[in-house]
Amino acid sequence: MEVGVIGILVLIADVYAVLKILNSSSSDGRKAIWIAVVILLPILGVIAWYLLGPGR
């Protein structure tokens, strides 16, 4: 099975976003919601987190 460069980039972006969310000072509930969004919607979730996420 071939993942491709785009798949690897999306995976890297998702891992980065989850790590940044975990290290943020937001409440545990907000962290859980953002992590769920990023995992369930990999591309849209990262974009939404970047634009609207914790610390913004």
Protein backbone atom coordinates (compact mmCIF):
# COMPACT_ATOMS: atom_id res chain seq x y z
CA MET A 1 0.00 0.00 0.00
CA GLU A 2 1.40 3.34 -1.05
CA VAL A 3 0.85 6.23 1.34
CA GLY A 4 2.33 9.03 -0.70
CA VAL A 5 3.96 12.29 0.18
CA ILE A 6 0.69 14.08 0.91
CA GLY A 7 -0.34 11.36 3.37
CA ILE A 8 2.96 11.65 5.20
CA LEU A 9 2.66 15.45 5.36
CA VAL A 10 -0.87 15.17 6.77
CA LEU A 11 0.35 12.68 9.38
CA ILE A 12 3.21 14.99 10.40
CA ALA A 13 0.82 17.97 10.64
CA ASP A 14 -1.63 15.94 12.75
CA VAL A 15 1.07 14.75 15.16
CA TYR A 16 2.42 18.30 15.46
CA ALA A 17 -1.06 19.71 16.15
CA VAL A 18 -1.84 17.06 18.79
CA LEU A 19 1.47 17.69 20.57
CA LYS A 20 0.89 21.45 20.55
CA ILE A 21 -2.65 20.96 21.85
CA LEU A 22 -1.43 18.72 24.68
CA ASN A 23 1.20 21.30 25.67
CA SER A 24 -1.21 24.24 25.59
CA SER A 25 -2.60 25.89 28.70
CA SER A 26 -6.23 25.28 27.70
CA SER A 27 -8.62 23.27 29.84
CA ASP A 28 -8.67 19.49 29.51
CA GLY A 29 -12.11 19.62 27.91
CA ARG A 30 -11.00 21.99 25.17
CA LYS A 31 -7.89 19.89 24.57
CA ALA A 32 -10.00 16.74 24.22
CA ILE A 33 -12.34 18.42 21.75
CA TRP A 34 -9.49 19.77 19.61
CA ILE A 35 -7.67 16.44 19.60
CA ALA A 36 -10.88 14.67 18.54
CA VAL A 37 -11.40 17.18 15.72
CA VAL A 38 -7.82 16.82 14.48
CA ILE A 39 -7.96 13.01 14.57
CA LEU A 40 -11.43 12.64 13.03
CA LEU A 41 -10.91 15.29 10.35
CA PRO A 42 -7.17 15.14 9.63
CA ILE A 43 -6.87 17.90 7.03
CA LEU A 44 -9.79 20.12 8.02
CA GLY A 45 -9.06 19.59 11.70
CA VAL A 46 -5.49 20.85 11.41
CA ILE A 47 -6.62 23.86 9.39
CA ALA A 48 -9.37 24.67 11.90
CA TRP A 49 -6.96 24.27 14.83
CA TYR A 50 -4.41 26.52 13.16
CA LEU A 51 -6.99 29.24 12.49
CA LEU A 52 -9.19 28.96 15.60
CA GLY A 53 -7.36 26.76 18.08
CA PRO A 54 -6.06 27.23 21.57
CA GLY A 55 -3.97 30.33 22.05
CA ARG A 56 -5.67 32.21 19.24
